[in-house]
């Protein structure tokens, strides 16, 4: 077992900074913004989410994040405007294999400006250099090539394709598997 990872359960989620962004621990204060994303049709489609989320349940979830030992959740904030850009998460901690899952969801109106790539880079740096992880993995639906390009720019590599993992709007959609290792070359690293 990776000794550095065994301390993850006692670490707090740090605030991370980039040129344009501040990634702060996701919390109850972000509830209105999180709810906006959870009711946005395009966000739900891109994440393959069919669930309907009750505000009280989301509030309880956000309020519990500070006590979670198996994940790290951040709100992405634009430094210039103070606007909520979205959220980024490391979850599904696998301590024995020094691995976690990655996901990001940008708020409506914030896509296409490189914020996702920038936030992803900050989280990867923290995951590898701060937490001592070795592998970060994700999957992205094939109808979201813009996200796949953003992940590639941040250092993720294509691993494979899972066929027909989502049935959406009457069609089967594939899922693209991607990962980045601590030993991989990453932009700015």
N, C-alpha and C. Protein backbone atom coordinates (compact mmCIF):
# COMPACT_ATOMS: atom_id res chain seq x y z
N UNK A 1 0.84 -1.18 0.00
CA UNK A 1 0.00 0.00 0.00
C UNK A 1 0.89 1.24 0.00
N UNK A 2 0.48 2.26 -0.74
CA UNK A 2 1.23 3.50 -0.82
C UNK A 2 1.09 4.25 0.51
N UNK A 3 2.19 4.40 1.25
CA UNK A 3 2.14 5.03 2.58
C UNK A 3 1.64 6.46 2.53
N UNK A 4 1.98 7.20 1.49
CA UNK A 4 1.53 8.58 1.40
C UNK A 4 0.00 8.65 1.31
N UNK A 5 -0.61 7.70 0.63
CA UNK A 5 -2.06 7.71 0.48
C UNK A 5 -2.79 7.38 1.76
N UNK A 6 -2.18 6.67 2.65
CA UNK A 6 -2.88 6.31 3.88
C UNK A 6 -3.23 7.54 4.70
N UNK A 7 -2.58 8.66 4.43
CA UNK A 7 -2.88 9.89 5.16
C UNK A 7 -3.99 10.70 4.50
N UNK A 8 -4.48 10.26 3.34
CA UNK A 8 -5.50 11.02 2.64
C UNK A 8 -6.72 11.26 3.51
N UNK A 9 -7.08 10.32 4.36
CA UNK A 9 -8.28 10.47 5.16
C UNK A 9 -8.18 11.59 6.19
N UNK A 10 -6.98 12.04 6.51
CA UNK A 10 -6.86 13.12 7.49
C UNK A 10 -6.53 14.46 6.83
N UNK A 11 -6.40 14.47 5.53
CA UNK A 11 -6.11 15.72 4.83
C UNK A 11 -7.39 16.49 4.55
N UNK A 12 -7.30 17.78 4.54
CA UNK A 12 -8.42 18.59 4.09
C UNK A 12 -8.23 18.87 2.61
N UNK A 13 -9.29 19.20 1.94
CA UNK A 13 -9.22 19.54 0.52
C UNK A 13 -8.67 20.95 0.44
N UNK A 14 -7.49 21.12 -0.15
CA UNK A 14 -6.89 22.45 -0.20
C UNK A 14 -7.50 23.31 -1.30
N UNK A 15 -7.36 24.60 -1.15
CA UNK A 15 -7.70 25.51 -2.23
C UNK A 15 -6.54 25.49 -3.22
N UNK A 16 -6.85 25.34 -4.50
CA UNK A 16 -5.85 25.31 -5.55
C UNK A 16 -6.01 26.56 -6.42
N UNK A 17 -4.91 27.04 -6.98
CA UNK A 17 -4.97 28.26 -7.80
C UNK A 17 -4.28 28.04 -9.13
N UNK A 18 -4.82 28.69 -10.16
CA UNK A 18 -4.21 28.73 -11.48
C UNK A 18 -4.17 30.20 -11.90
N UNK A 19 -3.77 30.45 -13.10
CA UNK A 19 -3.71 31.82 -13.60
C UNK A 19 -5.07 32.51 -13.54
N UNK A 20 -6.12 31.79 -13.92
CA UNK A 20 -7.46 32.40 -14.00
C UNK A 20 -8.46 31.87 -12.99
N UNK A 21 -8.09 30.83 -12.25
CA UNK A 21 -9.08 30.14 -11.44
C UNK A 21 -8.63 29.93 -10.00
N UNK A 22 -9.63 29.81 -9.13
CA UNK A 22 -9.44 29.35 -7.76
C UNK A 22 -10.33 28.12 -7.61
N UNK A 23 -9.75 27.03 -7.19
CA UNK A 23 -10.52 25.81 -6.90
C UNK A 23 -10.63 25.72 -5.39
N UNK A 24 -11.83 25.94 -4.88
CA UNK A 24 -12.06 25.93 -3.44
C UNK A 24 -12.91 24.72 -3.08
N UNK A 25 -12.79 24.24 -1.85
CA UNK A 25 -13.58 23.07 -1.46
C UNK A 25 -15.07 23.31 -1.73
N UNK A 26 -15.69 22.37 -2.44
CA UNK A 26 -17.11 22.45 -2.74
C UNK A 26 -17.89 22.29 -1.44
N UNK A 27 -18.86 23.16 -1.22
CA UNK A 27 -19.57 23.17 0.06
C UNK A 27 -21.00 23.66 -0.12
N UNK A 28 -21.72 23.71 0.96
CA UNK A 28 -23.12 24.15 0.96
C UNK A 28 -23.29 25.54 0.36
N UNK A 29 -22.30 26.39 0.48
CA UNK A 29 -22.38 27.74 -0.07
C UNK A 29 -22.55 27.74 -1.60
N UNK A 30 -22.21 26.63 -2.25
CA UNK A 30 -22.31 26.52 -3.70
C UNK A 30 -23.62 25.87 -4.16
N UNK A 31 -24.55 25.65 -3.25
CA UNK A 31 -25.77 24.90 -3.54
C UNK A 31 -26.53 25.44 -4.75
N UNK A 32 -26.78 26.74 -4.82
CA UNK A 32 -27.57 27.28 -5.93
C UNK A 32 -26.90 26.99 -7.27
N UNK A 33 -25.60 27.13 -7.33
CA UNK A 33 -24.87 26.88 -8.57
C UNK A 33 -24.89 25.39 -8.93
N UNK A 34 -24.72 24.54 -7.95
CA UNK A 34 -24.76 23.10 -8.20
C UNK A 34 -26.14 22.70 -8.71
N UNK A 35 -27.18 23.23 -8.11
CA UNK A 35 -28.54 22.92 -8.55
C UNK A 35 -28.78 23.38 -9.98
N UNK A 36 -28.21 24.51 -10.36
CA UNK A 36 -28.35 24.99 -11.74
C UNK A 36 -27.79 23.95 -12.72
N UNK A 37 -26.62 23.40 -12.41
CA UNK A 37 -26.03 22.38 -13.27
C UNK A 37 -26.84 21.10 -13.28
N UNK A 38 -27.44 20.75 -12.15
CA UNK A 38 -28.21 19.51 -12.05
C UNK A 38 -29.59 19.60 -12.70
N UNK A 39 -29.93 20.79 -13.18
CA UNK A 39 -31.20 20.95 -13.89
C UNK A 39 -30.99 21.41 -15.33
N UNK A 40 -29.74 21.56 -15.75
CA UNK A 40 -29.42 21.99 -17.11
C UNK A 40 -29.44 20.79 -18.05
N UNK A 41 -30.27 20.84 -19.09
CA UNK A 41 -30.44 19.69 -19.99
C UNK A 41 -29.13 19.26 -20.64
N UNK A 42 -28.33 20.20 -21.09
CA UNK A 42 -27.07 19.84 -21.76
C UNK A 42 -26.08 19.20 -20.79
N UNK A 43 -26.00 19.72 -19.58
CA UNK A 43 -25.12 19.13 -18.57
C UNK A 43 -25.56 17.70 -18.26
N UNK A 44 -26.85 17.49 -18.11
CA UNK A 44 -27.37 16.16 -17.82
C UNK A 44 -27.07 15.20 -18.97
N UNK A 45 -27.22 15.66 -20.22
CA UNK A 45 -26.93 14.82 -21.38
C UNK A 45 -25.46 14.45 -21.42
N UNK A 46 -24.57 15.44 -21.26
CA UNK A 46 -23.13 15.17 -21.37
C UNK A 46 -22.63 14.23 -20.28
N UNK A 47 -23.30 14.22 -19.15
CA UNK A 47 -22.90 13.32 -18.05
C UNK A 47 -23.74 12.05 -18.01
N UNK A 48 -24.71 11.93 -18.90
CA UNK A 48 -25.56 10.74 -18.92
C UNK A 48 -26.42 10.61 -17.68
N UNK A 49 -26.80 11.74 -17.11
CA UNK A 49 -27.55 11.75 -15.85
C UNK A 49 -29.05 11.82 -16.11
N UNK A 50 -29.78 10.85 -15.60
CA UNK A 50 -31.24 10.83 -15.71
C UNK A 50 -31.93 11.16 -14.40
N UNK A 51 -31.19 11.09 -13.32
CA UNK A 51 -31.78 11.30 -11.99
C UNK A 51 -32.31 12.72 -11.84
N UNK A 52 -33.31 12.83 -11.01
CA UNK A 52 -33.84 14.13 -10.61
C UNK A 52 -33.37 14.35 -9.17
N UNK A 53 -32.74 15.47 -8.92
CA UNK A 53 -32.13 15.72 -7.63
C UNK A 53 -32.97 16.68 -6.80
N UNK A 54 -33.27 16.26 -5.58
CA UNK A 54 -34.00 17.11 -4.64
C UNK A 54 -33.02 18.06 -3.98
N UNK A 55 -33.40 19.31 -3.86
CA UNK A 55 -32.53 20.34 -3.29
C UNK A 55 -32.02 19.95 -1.89
N UNK A 56 -32.90 19.41 -1.06
CA UNK A 56 -32.50 19.02 0.30
C UNK A 56 -31.43 17.92 0.28
N UNK A 57 -31.58 16.96 -0.62
CA UNK A 57 -30.60 15.87 -0.71
C UNK A 57 -29.25 16.40 -1.19
N UNK A 58 -29.27 17.30 -2.16
CA UNK A 58 -28.03 17.89 -2.66
C UNK A 58 -27.37 18.71 -1.55
N UNK A 59 -28.17 19.44 -0.79
CA UNK A 59 -27.63 20.23 0.33
C UNK A 59 -26.96 19.32 1.35
N UNK A 60 -27.58 18.20 1.68
CA UNK A 60 -26.98 17.25 2.63
C UNK A 60 -25.67 16.70 2.08
N UNK A 61 -25.66 16.38 0.80
CA UNK A 61 -24.44 15.88 0.18
C UNK A 61 -23.32 16.91 0.26
N UNK A 62 -23.61 18.14 -0.12
CA UNK A 62 -22.58 19.19 -0.08
C UNK A 62 -22.09 19.42 1.34
N UNK A 63 -23.00 19.37 2.28
CA UNK A 63 -22.64 19.60 3.68
C UNK A 63 -21.78 18.47 4.25
N UNK A 64 -21.85 17.29 3.64
CA UNK A 64 -21.10 16.13 4.13
C UNK A 64 -19.71 16.00 3.51
N UNK A 65 -19.42 16.75 2.47
CA UNK A 65 -18.17 16.54 1.72
C UNK A 65 -16.92 16.77 2.56
N UNK A 66 -16.96 17.72 3.47
CA UNK A 66 -15.77 18.02 4.28
C UNK A 66 -15.33 16.84 5.14
N UNK A 67 -16.25 15.91 5.40
CA UNK A 67 -15.93 14.76 6.26
C UNK A 67 -15.59 13.50 5.46
N UNK A 68 -15.61 13.58 4.15
CA UNK A 68 -15.36 12.40 3.32
C UNK A 68 -13.87 12.14 3.19
N UNK A 69 -13.46 10.92 3.38
CA UNK A 69 -12.04 10.54 3.30
C UNK A 69 -11.68 9.93 1.95
N UNK A 70 -12.69 9.66 1.11
CA UNK A 70 -12.44 8.93 -0.13
C UNK A 70 -12.60 9.78 -1.39
N UNK A 71 -12.69 11.10 -1.22
CA UNK A 71 -12.91 11.96 -2.38
C UNK A 71 -12.48 13.38 -2.08
N UNK A 72 -12.31 14.15 -3.13
CA UNK A 72 -12.00 15.59 -3.01
C UNK A 72 -12.84 16.31 -4.06
N UNK A 73 -13.64 17.27 -3.62
CA UNK A 73 -14.54 18.02 -4.49
C UNK A 73 -14.20 19.50 -4.42
N UNK A 74 -14.11 20.14 -5.58
CA UNK A 74 -13.82 21.57 -5.64
C UNK A 74 -14.86 22.30 -6.46
N UNK A 75 -15.15 23.54 -6.05
CA UNK A 75 -15.88 24.49 -6.87
C UNK A 75 -14.83 25.26 -7.66
N UNK A 76 -15.09 25.47 -8.94
CA UNK A 76 -14.18 26.23 -9.80
C UNK A 76 -14.69 27.66 -9.88
N UNK A 77 -13.86 28.61 -9.47
CA UNK A 77 -14.26 30.02 -9.41
C UNK A 77 -13.37 30.84 -10.34
N UNK A 78 -13.98 31.67 -11.17
CA UNK A 78 -13.24 32.58 -12.06
C UNK A 78 -12.69 33.73 -11.23
N UNK A 79 -11.37 33.92 -11.25
CA UNK A 79 -10.76 34.98 -10.44
C UNK A 79 -11.18 36.38 -10.88
N UNK A 80 -11.37 36.58 -12.17
CA UNK A 80 -11.69 37.91 -12.68
C UNK A 80 -13.08 38.38 -12.28
N UNK A 81 -14.05 37.46 -12.25
CA UNK A 81 -15.43 37.86 -12.00
C UNK A 81 -16.00 37.31 -10.69
N UNK A 82 -15.33 36.32 -10.12
CA UNK A 82 -15.89 35.64 -8.95
C UNK A 82 -16.98 34.66 -9.32
N UNK A 83 -17.20 34.45 -10.62
CA UNK A 83 -18.25 33.56 -11.09
C UNK A 83 -17.95 32.09 -10.86
N UNK A 84 -19.01 31.33 -10.64
CA UNK A 84 -18.92 29.88 -10.46
C UNK A 84 -18.82 29.24 -11.83
N UNK A 85 -17.69 28.60 -12.10
CA UNK A 85 -17.42 27.99 -13.41
C UNK A 85 -17.91 26.54 -13.46
N UNK A 86 -17.89 25.85 -12.33
CA UNK A 86 -18.30 24.46 -12.30
C UNK A 86 -17.71 23.73 -11.12
N UNK A 87 -17.65 22.41 -11.23
CA UNK A 87 -17.08 21.61 -10.15
C UNK A 87 -16.16 20.56 -10.75
N UNK A 88 -15.19 20.15 -9.96
CA UNK A 88 -14.24 19.10 -10.36
C UNK A 88 -14.04 18.18 -9.17
N UNK A 89 -13.94 16.88 -9.45
CA UNK A 89 -13.96 15.89 -8.37
C UNK A 89 -12.93 14.78 -8.63
N UNK A 90 -12.23 14.41 -7.58
CA UNK A 90 -11.50 13.15 -7.53
C UNK A 90 -12.31 12.25 -6.61
N UNK A 91 -12.70 11.07 -7.08
CA UNK A 91 -13.49 10.17 -6.24
C UNK A 91 -13.08 8.73 -6.49
N UNK A 92 -13.77 7.82 -5.86
CA UNK A 92 -13.50 6.39 -6.00
C UNK A 92 -12.05 6.05 -5.64
N UNK A 93 -11.62 6.51 -4.49
CA UNK A 93 -10.25 6.26 -4.04
C UNK A 93 -9.95 4.77 -3.95
N UNK A 94 -8.87 4.36 -4.58
CA UNK A 94 -8.34 3.00 -4.49
C UNK A 94 -6.94 3.13 -3.91
N UNK A 95 -6.85 3.11 -2.58
CA UNK A 95 -5.57 3.34 -1.90
C UNK A 95 -4.51 2.32 -2.29
N UNK A 96 -4.90 1.05 -2.36
CA UNK A 96 -3.92 0.00 -2.63
C UNK A 96 -3.25 0.17 -3.99
N UNK A 97 -3.96 0.76 -4.94
CA UNK A 97 -3.42 0.94 -6.28
C UNK A 97 -3.10 2.41 -6.59
N UNK A 98 -3.17 3.27 -5.58
CA UNK A 98 -2.85 4.69 -5.72
C UNK A 98 -3.59 5.31 -6.90
N UNK A 99 -4.89 5.08 -6.95
CA UNK A 99 -5.69 5.50 -8.10
C UNK A 99 -6.99 6.16 -7.65
N UNK A 100 -7.48 7.05 -8.50
CA UNK A 100 -8.78 7.68 -8.29
C UNK A 100 -9.44 7.93 -9.64
N UNK A 101 -10.72 8.18 -9.59
CA UNK A 101 -11.51 8.58 -10.75
C UNK A 101 -11.57 10.10 -10.80
N UNK A 102 -11.74 10.64 -11.99
CA UNK A 102 -11.83 12.10 -12.19
C UNK A 102 -13.13 12.43 -12.89
N UNK A 103 -13.73 13.53 -12.49
CA UNK A 103 -14.87 14.06 -13.26
C UNK A 103 -14.91 15.57 -13.11
N UNK A 104 -15.47 16.22 -14.10
CA UNK A 104 -15.61 17.67 -14.09
C UNK A 104 -16.91 18.02 -14.80
N UNK A 105 -17.58 19.04 -14.33
CA UNK A 105 -18.79 19.54 -14.97
C UNK A 105 -18.73 21.06 -14.93
N UNK A 106 -18.71 21.67 -16.09
CA UNK A 106 -18.72 23.13 -16.15
C UNK A 106 -20.15 23.63 -16.15
N UNK A 107 -20.36 24.77 -15.53
CA UNK A 107 -21.68 25.38 -15.45
C UNK A 107 -22.09 25.88 -16.84
N UNK A 108 -23.37 25.96 -17.08
CA UNK A 108 -23.83 26.49 -18.37
C UNK A 108 -23.20 27.86 -18.66
N UNK A 109 -22.72 28.01 -19.89
CA UNK A 109 -22.13 29.28 -20.31
C UNK A 109 -20.63 29.40 -20.11
N UNK A 110 -19.99 28.41 -19.50
CA UNK A 110 -18.55 28.51 -19.20
C UNK A 110 -17.71 27.60 -20.08
N UNK A 111 -18.29 26.91 -21.03
CA UNK A 111 -17.53 25.98 -21.86
C UNK A 111 -16.82 26.70 -23.00
N UNK A 112 -15.81 26.06 -23.55
CA UNK A 112 -15.14 26.56 -24.74
C UNK A 112 -14.10 27.63 -24.51
N UNK A 113 -13.71 27.89 -23.27
CA UNK A 113 -12.72 28.94 -22.97
C UNK A 113 -11.47 28.41 -22.29
N UNK A 114 -11.34 27.10 -22.20
CA UNK A 114 -10.15 26.50 -21.61
C UNK A 114 -10.17 26.37 -20.09
N UNK A 115 -11.29 26.74 -19.46
CA UNK A 115 -11.37 26.64 -18.01
C UNK A 115 -11.30 25.19 -17.53
N UNK A 116 -11.95 24.28 -18.26
CA UNK A 116 -11.93 22.88 -17.87
C UNK A 116 -10.53 22.30 -17.91
N UNK A 117 -9.79 22.60 -18.97
CA UNK A 117 -8.42 22.12 -19.09
C UNK A 117 -7.55 22.68 -17.98
N UNK A 118 -7.73 23.95 -17.68
CA UNK A 118 -6.94 24.61 -16.64
C UNK A 118 -7.23 24.02 -15.26
N UNK A 119 -8.50 23.81 -14.96
CA UNK A 119 -8.88 23.22 -13.67
C UNK A 119 -8.39 21.78 -13.58
N UNK A 120 -8.50 21.04 -14.67
CA UNK A 120 -8.03 19.66 -14.70
C UNK A 120 -6.54 19.59 -14.41
N UNK A 121 -5.76 20.47 -15.02
CA UNK A 121 -4.32 20.49 -14.77
C UNK A 121 -3.98 20.73 -13.31
N UNK A 122 -4.71 21.64 -12.67
CA UNK A 122 -4.46 21.93 -11.25
C UNK A 122 -4.77 20.72 -10.37
N UNK A 123 -5.86 20.03 -10.67
CA UNK A 123 -6.23 18.87 -9.88
C UNK A 123 -5.25 17.72 -10.10
N UNK A 124 -4.79 17.54 -11.33
CA UNK A 124 -3.81 16.49 -11.59
C UNK A 124 -2.50 16.76 -10.86
N UNK A 125 -2.07 18.01 -10.86
CA UNK A 125 -0.85 18.35 -10.14
C UNK A 125 -1.01 18.02 -8.65
N UNK A 126 -2.14 18.38 -8.07
CA UNK A 126 -2.39 18.07 -6.66
C UNK A 126 -2.45 16.55 -6.44
N UNK A 127 -3.12 15.84 -7.34
CA UNK A 127 -3.27 14.39 -7.19
C UNK A 127 -1.92 13.68 -7.20
N UNK A 128 -1.06 14.07 -8.12
CA UNK A 128 0.21 13.37 -8.27
C UNK A 128 1.28 13.90 -7.31
N UNK A 129 1.41 15.21 -7.25
CA UNK A 129 2.48 15.80 -6.43
C UNK A 129 2.08 15.97 -4.97
N UNK A 130 0.81 16.22 -4.71
CA UNK A 130 0.34 16.45 -3.35
C UNK A 130 -0.10 15.19 -2.63
N UNK A 131 -0.85 14.34 -3.35
CA UNK A 131 -1.40 13.13 -2.72
C UNK A 131 -0.57 11.89 -2.98
N UNK A 132 0.27 11.92 -3.98
CA UNK A 132 1.08 10.75 -4.30
C UNK A 132 0.34 9.68 -5.07
N UNK A 133 -0.73 10.06 -5.77
CA UNK A 133 -1.44 9.09 -6.59
C UNK A 133 -0.59 8.69 -7.79
N UNK A 134 -0.89 7.54 -8.36
CA UNK A 134 -0.18 7.07 -9.55
C UNK A 134 -1.05 7.12 -10.80
N UNK A 135 -2.37 6.91 -10.65
CA UNK A 135 -3.25 6.81 -11.82
C UNK A 135 -4.55 7.56 -11.55
N UNK A 136 -4.96 8.34 -12.54
CA UNK A 136 -6.26 9.00 -12.53
C UNK A 136 -6.97 8.57 -13.81
N UNK A 137 -8.20 8.10 -13.69
CA UNK A 137 -8.94 7.60 -14.84
C UNK A 137 -10.29 8.30 -14.96
N UNK A 138 -10.84 8.25 -16.16
CA UNK A 138 -12.17 8.81 -16.40
C UNK A 138 -12.78 8.10 -17.59
N UNK A 139 -14.06 8.31 -17.78
CA UNK A 139 -14.67 7.93 -19.05
C UNK A 139 -15.56 9.08 -19.49
N UNK A 140 -15.63 9.25 -20.80
CA UNK A 140 -16.38 10.35 -21.40
C UNK A 140 -17.20 9.76 -22.54
N UNK A 141 -18.45 10.22 -22.65
CA UNK A 141 -19.30 9.68 -23.71
C UNK A 141 -18.84 10.17 -25.08
N UNK A 142 -19.00 9.31 -26.07
CA UNK A 142 -18.49 9.60 -27.41
C UNK A 142 -19.17 10.81 -28.04
N UNK A 143 -20.33 11.22 -27.55
CA UNK A 143 -20.96 12.42 -28.10
C UNK A 143 -20.43 13.71 -27.46
N UNK A 144 -19.32 13.61 -26.73
CA UNK A 144 -18.71 14.78 -26.10
C UNK A 144 -17.22 14.89 -26.49
N UNK A 145 -16.93 15.05 -27.78
CA UNK A 145 -15.53 15.12 -28.21
C UNK A 145 -14.80 16.36 -27.67
N UNK A 146 -15.52 17.43 -27.39
CA UNK A 146 -14.88 18.63 -26.84
C UNK A 146 -14.25 18.31 -25.48
N UNK A 147 -14.95 17.56 -24.64
CA UNK A 147 -14.39 17.17 -23.34
C UNK A 147 -13.18 16.26 -23.52
N UNK A 148 -13.27 15.31 -24.44
CA UNK A 148 -12.15 14.40 -24.68
C UNK A 148 -10.90 15.18 -25.10
N UNK A 149 -11.07 16.20 -25.97
CA UNK A 149 -9.92 17.03 -26.37
C UNK A 149 -9.35 17.79 -25.18
N UNK A 150 -10.21 18.29 -24.31
CA UNK A 150 -9.75 19.00 -23.12
C UNK A 150 -8.94 18.07 -22.22
N UNK A 151 -9.43 16.85 -22.03
CA UNK A 151 -8.71 15.88 -21.20
C UNK A 151 -7.34 15.57 -21.81
N UNK A 152 -7.30 15.41 -23.14
CA UNK A 152 -6.02 15.15 -23.81
C UNK A 152 -5.05 16.31 -23.61
N UNK A 153 -5.53 17.53 -23.71
CA UNK A 153 -4.67 18.70 -23.50
C UNK A 153 -4.09 18.72 -22.09
N UNK A 154 -4.84 18.19 -21.12
CA UNK A 154 -4.37 18.16 -19.73
C UNK A 154 -3.44 16.98 -19.45
N UNK A 155 -3.34 16.03 -20.39
CA UNK A 155 -2.42 14.92 -20.22
C UNK A 155 -3.04 13.53 -20.23
N UNK A 156 -4.36 13.43 -20.26
CA UNK A 156 -5.01 12.12 -20.32
C UNK A 156 -4.74 11.46 -21.66
N UNK A 157 -4.65 10.14 -21.64
CA UNK A 157 -4.44 9.36 -22.86
C UNK A 157 -5.60 8.40 -23.08
N UNK A 158 -5.89 8.18 -24.34
CA UNK A 158 -6.94 7.25 -24.75
C UNK A 158 -6.54 5.83 -24.36
N UNK A 159 -7.45 5.10 -23.73
CA UNK A 159 -7.18 3.70 -23.36
C UNK A 159 -8.07 2.73 -24.10
N UNK A 160 -9.28 3.13 -24.39
CA UNK A 160 -10.18 2.20 -25.06
C UNK A 160 -11.60 2.73 -25.12
N UNK A 161 -12.43 1.90 -25.67
CA UNK A 161 -13.82 2.28 -25.90
C UNK A 161 -14.72 1.16 -25.38
N UNK A 162 -15.70 1.56 -24.60
CA UNK A 162 -16.73 0.62 -24.17
C UNK A 162 -17.95 0.87 -25.05
N UNK A 163 -18.41 -0.15 -25.70
CA UNK A 163 -19.51 0.02 -26.64
C UNK A 163 -20.85 0.03 -25.93
N UNK A 164 -21.70 0.94 -26.38
CA UNK A 164 -23.11 1.00 -25.97
C UNK A 164 -23.28 0.99 -24.45
N UNK A 165 -22.67 1.93 -23.78
CA UNK A 165 -22.79 2.01 -22.32
C UNK A 165 -23.94 2.90 -21.86
N UNK A 166 -24.48 3.69 -22.79
CA UNK A 166 -25.56 4.61 -22.44
C UNK A 166 -26.60 4.61 -23.55
N UNK A 167 -27.87 4.50 -23.18
CA UNK A 167 -28.96 4.63 -24.14
C UNK A 167 -29.58 6.00 -23.93
N UNK A 168 -29.39 6.91 -24.88
CA UNK A 168 -29.83 8.30 -24.71
C UNK A 168 -30.56 8.76 -25.96
N UNK A 169 -31.72 9.32 -25.77
CA UNK A 169 -32.53 9.83 -26.89
C UNK A 169 -32.68 8.80 -28.01
N UNK A 170 -32.93 7.55 -27.62
CA UNK A 170 -33.20 6.51 -28.60
C UNK A 170 -31.98 5.93 -29.30
N UNK A 171 -30.79 6.29 -28.85
CA UNK A 171 -29.58 5.78 -29.48
C UNK A 171 -28.59 5.28 -28.44
N UNK A 172 -27.81 4.25 -28.81
CA UNK A 172 -26.75 3.76 -27.96
C UNK A 172 -25.52 4.63 -28.13
N UNK A 173 -24.84 4.91 -27.02
CA UNK A 173 -23.67 5.77 -27.02
C UNK A 173 -22.51 5.00 -26.38
N UNK A 174 -21.32 5.13 -26.99
CA UNK A 174 -20.12 4.50 -26.45
C UNK A 174 -19.49 5.39 -25.39
N UNK A 175 -18.65 4.79 -24.56
CA UNK A 175 -17.90 5.50 -23.54
C UNK A 175 -16.41 5.35 -23.84
N UNK A 176 -15.70 6.45 -23.82
CA UNK A 176 -14.27 6.47 -24.10
C UNK A 176 -13.52 6.45 -22.76
N UNK A 177 -12.62 5.48 -22.58
CA UNK A 177 -11.82 5.37 -21.37
C UNK A 177 -10.51 6.12 -21.57
N UNK A 178 -10.14 6.93 -20.57
CA UNK A 178 -8.90 7.70 -20.62
C UNK A 178 -8.25 7.66 -19.25
N UNK A 179 -6.93 7.81 -19.23
CA UNK A 179 -6.23 7.89 -17.95
C UNK A 179 -4.96 8.70 -18.11
N UNK A 180 -4.41 9.09 -16.98
CA UNK A 180 -3.10 9.73 -16.92
C UNK A 180 -2.38 9.14 -15.73
N UNK A 181 -1.08 8.88 -15.92
CA UNK A 181 -0.25 8.31 -14.86
C UNK A 181 0.71 9.38 -14.34
N UNK A 182 1.14 9.19 -13.13
CA UNK A 182 2.10 10.14 -12.53
C UNK A 182 3.39 10.19 -13.35
N UNK A 183 3.70 9.14 -14.08
CA UNK A 183 4.92 9.07 -14.88
C UNK A 183 4.74 9.62 -16.28
N UNK A 184 3.53 9.97 -16.69
CA UNK A 184 3.27 10.51 -18.02
C UNK A 184 3.72 11.97 -18.10
N UNK A 185 4.09 12.39 -19.29
CA UNK A 185 4.35 13.80 -19.53
C UNK A 185 3.01 14.53 -19.49
N UNK A 186 3.00 15.68 -18.80
CA UNK A 186 1.82 16.52 -18.75
C UNK A 186 2.21 17.95 -19.07
N UNK A 187 1.33 18.68 -19.71
CA UNK A 187 1.64 20.09 -20.02
C UNK A 187 1.98 20.86 -18.74
N UNK A 188 3.02 21.66 -18.80
CA UNK A 188 3.39 22.49 -17.67
C UNK A 188 4.01 21.74 -16.51
N UNK A 189 4.33 20.50 -16.72
CA UNK A 189 4.89 19.71 -15.61
C UNK A 189 6.23 19.12 -16.00
